[in-house]
Amino acid sequence: MLDLDHPQGFHDAFGREASDAVLRELSMFLQENSRYGGDGFMLILPEASLDSTGQPAEQLREGIKHLRVQWRQYLWE
């Protein structure tokens, strides 16, 4: 399960529309790179051992780290 760090601070600083833009961009990234469901995100790695999940998780973390979100005049990288 994935959890975003400090979403309320971002929401307070930029508002709901900006927060929604970030969540949409993250959702699109995860949809292209993993399975998801509900209002949380979950990676489904059937028959994967705990040892073998580190690399896919790191690849997703790096991809999310480099997400670019454009909303109005703002660009978050």
N, C-alpha and C. Protein backbone atom coordinates (compact mmCIF):
# COMPACT_ATOMS: atom_id res chain seq x y z
N MET A 1 0.85 -1.16 0.00
CA MET A 1 0.00 0.00 0.00
C MET A 1 0.90 1.23 0.00
N LEU A 2 0.52 2.23 -0.76
CA LEU A 2 1.28 3.47 -0.84
C LEU A 2 0.58 4.55 -0.04
N ASP A 3 1.36 5.42 0.54
CA ASP A 3 0.83 6.53 1.32
C ASP A 3 1.62 7.78 0.96
N LEU A 4 0.94 8.86 0.68
CA LEU A 4 1.61 10.12 0.36
C LEU A 4 2.01 10.83 1.65
N ASP A 5 3.20 11.42 1.65
CA ASP A 5 3.67 12.17 2.81
C ASP A 5 3.15 13.60 2.76
N HIS A 6 2.62 14.07 3.84
CA HIS A 6 2.22 15.46 4.07
C HIS A 6 1.22 16.02 3.05
N PRO A 7 0.19 15.28 2.67
CA PRO A 7 -0.76 15.83 1.69
C PRO A 7 -1.55 17.02 2.23
N GLN A 8 -1.81 17.07 3.53
CA GLN A 8 -2.60 18.17 4.08
C GLN A 8 -1.87 19.51 3.96
N GLY A 9 -0.56 19.50 4.19
CA GLY A 9 0.21 20.73 4.05
C GLY A 9 0.18 21.26 2.63
N PHE A 10 0.29 20.36 1.66
CA PHE A 10 0.20 20.74 0.26
C PHE A 10 -1.19 21.29 -0.04
N HIS A 11 -2.21 20.59 0.44
CA HIS A 11 -3.60 21.01 0.24
C HIS A 11 -3.83 22.39 0.85
N ASP A 12 -3.33 22.62 2.05
CA ASP A 12 -3.51 23.91 2.71
C ASP A 12 -2.80 25.03 1.96
N ALA A 13 -1.63 24.74 1.40
CA ALA A 13 -0.85 25.75 0.70
C ALA A 13 -1.42 26.08 -0.68
N PHE A 14 -1.92 25.08 -1.40
CA PHE A 14 -2.30 25.28 -2.80
C PHE A 14 -3.77 25.05 -3.10
N GLY A 15 -4.50 24.45 -2.18
CA GLY A 15 -5.93 24.25 -2.37
C GLY A 15 -6.29 22.90 -2.95
N ARG A 16 -7.60 22.66 -2.96
CA ARG A 16 -8.11 21.36 -3.37
C ARG A 16 -7.85 21.05 -4.84
N GLU A 17 -8.03 22.03 -5.70
CA GLU A 17 -7.83 21.77 -7.13
C GLU A 17 -6.40 21.34 -7.42
N ALA A 18 -5.44 21.96 -6.76
CA ALA A 18 -4.03 21.57 -6.96
C ALA A 18 -3.79 20.18 -6.40
N SER A 19 -4.34 19.89 -5.23
CA SER A 19 -4.19 18.56 -4.64
C SER A 19 -4.80 17.51 -5.56
N ASP A 20 -5.95 17.81 -6.11
CA ASP A 20 -6.60 16.87 -7.05
C ASP A 20 -5.74 16.65 -8.29
N ALA A 21 -5.09 17.72 -8.78
CA ALA A 21 -4.22 17.59 -9.95
C ALA A 21 -3.06 16.64 -9.66
N VAL A 22 -2.48 16.75 -8.48
CA VAL A 22 -1.38 15.86 -8.09
C VAL A 22 -1.88 14.43 -8.00
N LEU A 23 -3.03 14.22 -7.37
CA LEU A 23 -3.58 12.86 -7.24
C LEU A 23 -3.92 12.26 -8.60
N ARG A 24 -4.45 13.08 -9.51
CA ARG A 24 -4.75 12.58 -10.86
C ARG A 24 -3.46 12.14 -11.58
N GLU A 25 -2.43 12.97 -11.47
CA GLU A 25 -1.16 12.64 -12.13
C GLU A 25 -0.55 11.38 -11.54
N LEU A 26 -0.59 11.27 -10.22
CA LEU A 26 -0.10 10.08 -9.55
C LEU A 26 -0.92 8.86 -9.96
N SER A 27 -2.23 9.02 -10.04
CA SER A 27 -3.10 7.91 -10.45
C SER A 27 -2.77 7.44 -11.86
N MET A 28 -2.56 8.38 -12.76
CA MET A 28 -2.22 8.00 -14.14
C MET A 28 -0.89 7.25 -14.17
N PHE A 29 0.08 7.74 -13.40
CA PHE A 29 1.38 7.07 -13.34
C PHE A 29 1.22 5.65 -12.82
N LEU A 30 0.49 5.49 -11.73
CA LEU A 30 0.31 4.17 -11.15
C LEU A 30 -0.50 3.25 -12.05
N GLN A 31 -1.49 3.81 -12.73
CA GLN A 31 -2.29 3.00 -13.64
C GLN A 31 -1.42 2.45 -14.77
N GLU A 32 -0.48 3.25 -15.21
CA GLU A 32 0.41 2.81 -16.28
C GLU A 32 1.50 1.86 -15.77
N ASN A 33 1.79 1.92 -14.47
CA ASN A 33 2.91 1.17 -13.93
C ASN A 33 2.56 0.15 -12.86
N SER A 34 1.31 0.08 -12.47
CA SER A 34 0.90 -0.89 -11.45
C SER A 34 -0.61 -1.00 -11.44
N ARG A 35 -1.11 -1.91 -10.66
CA ARG A 35 -2.56 -2.02 -10.46
C ARG A 35 -2.94 -1.18 -9.27
N TYR A 36 -4.17 -0.71 -9.24
CA TYR A 36 -4.63 0.09 -8.10
C TYR A 36 -6.09 -0.23 -7.84
N GLY A 37 -6.58 0.24 -6.73
CA GLY A 37 -7.99 0.02 -6.41
C GLY A 37 -8.43 0.88 -5.25
N GLY A 38 -9.72 1.15 -5.19
CA GLY A 38 -10.28 1.93 -4.09
C GLY A 38 -9.73 3.33 -4.05
N ASP A 39 -9.69 3.90 -2.85
CA ASP A 39 -9.14 5.25 -2.73
C ASP A 39 -7.68 5.21 -2.28
N GLY A 40 -7.12 4.02 -2.23
CA GLY A 40 -5.70 3.85 -1.96
C GLY A 40 -5.07 3.17 -3.16
N PHE A 41 -3.81 3.01 -3.10
CA PHE A 41 -3.09 2.37 -4.19
C PHE A 41 -2.41 1.13 -3.64
N MET A 42 -2.51 0.05 -4.35
CA MET A 42 -1.90 -1.19 -3.91
C MET A 42 -1.19 -1.84 -5.08
N LEU A 43 -0.02 -2.35 -4.82
CA LEU A 43 0.72 -3.08 -5.83
C LEU A 43 0.41 -4.55 -5.69
N ILE A 44 0.05 -5.17 -6.77
CA ILE A 44 -0.25 -6.59 -6.79
C ILE A 44 0.93 -7.29 -7.45
N LEU A 45 1.64 -8.08 -6.68
CA LEU A 45 2.79 -8.82 -7.20
C LEU A 45 2.56 -10.29 -6.89
N PRO A 46 1.69 -10.93 -7.68
CA PRO A 46 1.34 -12.33 -7.39
C PRO A 46 2.57 -13.23 -7.40
N GLU A 47 2.62 -14.09 -6.42
CA GLU A 47 3.66 -15.09 -6.29
C GLU A 47 5.06 -14.50 -6.17
N ALA A 48 5.17 -13.23 -5.83
CA ALA A 48 6.48 -12.61 -5.65
C ALA A 48 6.94 -12.81 -4.21
N SER A 49 8.20 -13.10 -4.07
CA SER A 49 8.77 -13.22 -2.72
C SER A 49 9.07 -11.82 -2.19
N LEU A 50 9.20 -11.71 -0.89
CA LEU A 50 9.53 -10.43 -0.27
C LEU A 50 10.84 -9.89 -0.83
N ASP A 51 11.81 -10.77 -1.04
CA ASP A 51 13.11 -10.35 -1.58
C ASP A 51 13.00 -9.78 -2.99
N SER A 52 12.07 -10.29 -3.78
CA SER A 52 11.98 -9.85 -5.18
C SER A 52 11.15 -8.58 -5.37
N THR A 53 10.53 -8.07 -4.33
CA THR A 53 9.68 -6.88 -4.49
C THR A 53 10.45 -5.57 -4.34
N GLY A 54 11.66 -5.62 -3.85
CA GLY A 54 12.43 -4.40 -3.63
C GLY A 54 12.68 -3.61 -4.89
N GLN A 55 13.10 -4.27 -5.96
CA GLN A 55 13.42 -3.55 -7.19
C GLN A 55 12.19 -2.91 -7.83
N PRO A 56 11.06 -3.62 -7.99
CA PRO A 56 9.88 -2.94 -8.54
C PRO A 56 9.41 -1.77 -7.67
N ALA A 57 9.48 -1.94 -6.37
CA ALA A 57 9.07 -0.84 -5.47
C ALA A 57 9.99 0.36 -5.64
N GLU A 58 11.28 0.12 -5.77
CA GLU A 58 12.24 1.21 -5.96
C GLU A 58 12.02 1.90 -7.30
N GLN A 59 11.69 1.14 -8.34
CA GLN A 59 11.42 1.74 -9.64
C GLN A 59 10.19 2.65 -9.58
N LEU A 60 9.14 2.21 -8.88
CA LEU A 60 7.96 3.06 -8.72
C LEU A 60 8.29 4.30 -7.91
N ARG A 61 9.05 4.13 -6.82
CA ARG A 61 9.42 5.28 -5.99
C ARG A 61 10.19 6.31 -6.81
N GLU A 62 11.13 5.85 -7.63
CA GLU A 62 11.90 6.77 -8.47
C GLU A 62 11.01 7.45 -9.50
N GLY A 63 10.10 6.69 -10.10
CA GLY A 63 9.17 7.29 -11.08
C GLY A 63 8.30 8.35 -10.45
N ILE A 64 7.78 8.07 -9.26
CA ILE A 64 6.94 9.05 -8.56
C ILE A 64 7.77 10.26 -8.16
N LYS A 65 8.99 10.04 -7.75
CA LYS A 65 9.89 11.13 -7.36
C LYS A 65 10.09 12.11 -8.52
N HIS A 66 10.08 11.60 -9.74
CA HIS A 66 10.32 12.44 -10.92
C HIS A 66 9.04 12.86 -11.65
N LEU A 67 7.90 12.67 -11.02
CA LEU A 67 6.65 13.12 -11.63
C LEU A 67 6.66 14.63 -11.78
N ARG A 68 6.11 15.09 -12.87
CA ARG A 68 5.94 16.54 -13.10
C ARG A 68 4.45 16.80 -13.16
N VAL A 69 3.98 17.74 -12.36
CA VAL A 69 2.56 18.07 -12.31
C VAL A 69 2.41 19.54 -12.69
N GLN A 70 1.67 19.79 -13.76
CA GLN A 70 1.38 21.15 -14.20
C GLN A 70 -0.05 21.48 -13.79
N TRP A 71 -0.23 22.57 -13.10
CA TRP A 71 -1.55 23.03 -12.72
C TRP A 71 -1.52 24.55 -12.69
N ARG A 72 -2.36 25.15 -13.52
CA ARG A 72 -2.36 26.61 -13.68
C ARG A 72 -0.94 27.09 -13.93
N GLN A 73 -0.46 28.04 -13.16
CA GLN A 73 0.88 28.57 -13.39
C GLN A 73 1.96 27.79 -12.65
N TYR A 74 1.58 26.77 -11.92
CA TYR A 74 2.53 26.00 -11.12
C TYR A 74 3.04 24.78 -11.87
N LEU A 75 4.27 24.42 -11.61
CA LEU A 75 4.83 23.17 -12.09
C LEU A 75 5.58 22.55 -10.93
N TRP A 76 5.14 21.37 -10.50
CA TRP A 76 5.82 20.67 -9.40
C TRP A 76 6.63 19.54 -9.97
N GLU A 77 7.86 19.44 -9.54
CA GLU A 77 8.74 18.35 -9.98
C GLU A 77 9.32 17.68 -8.77
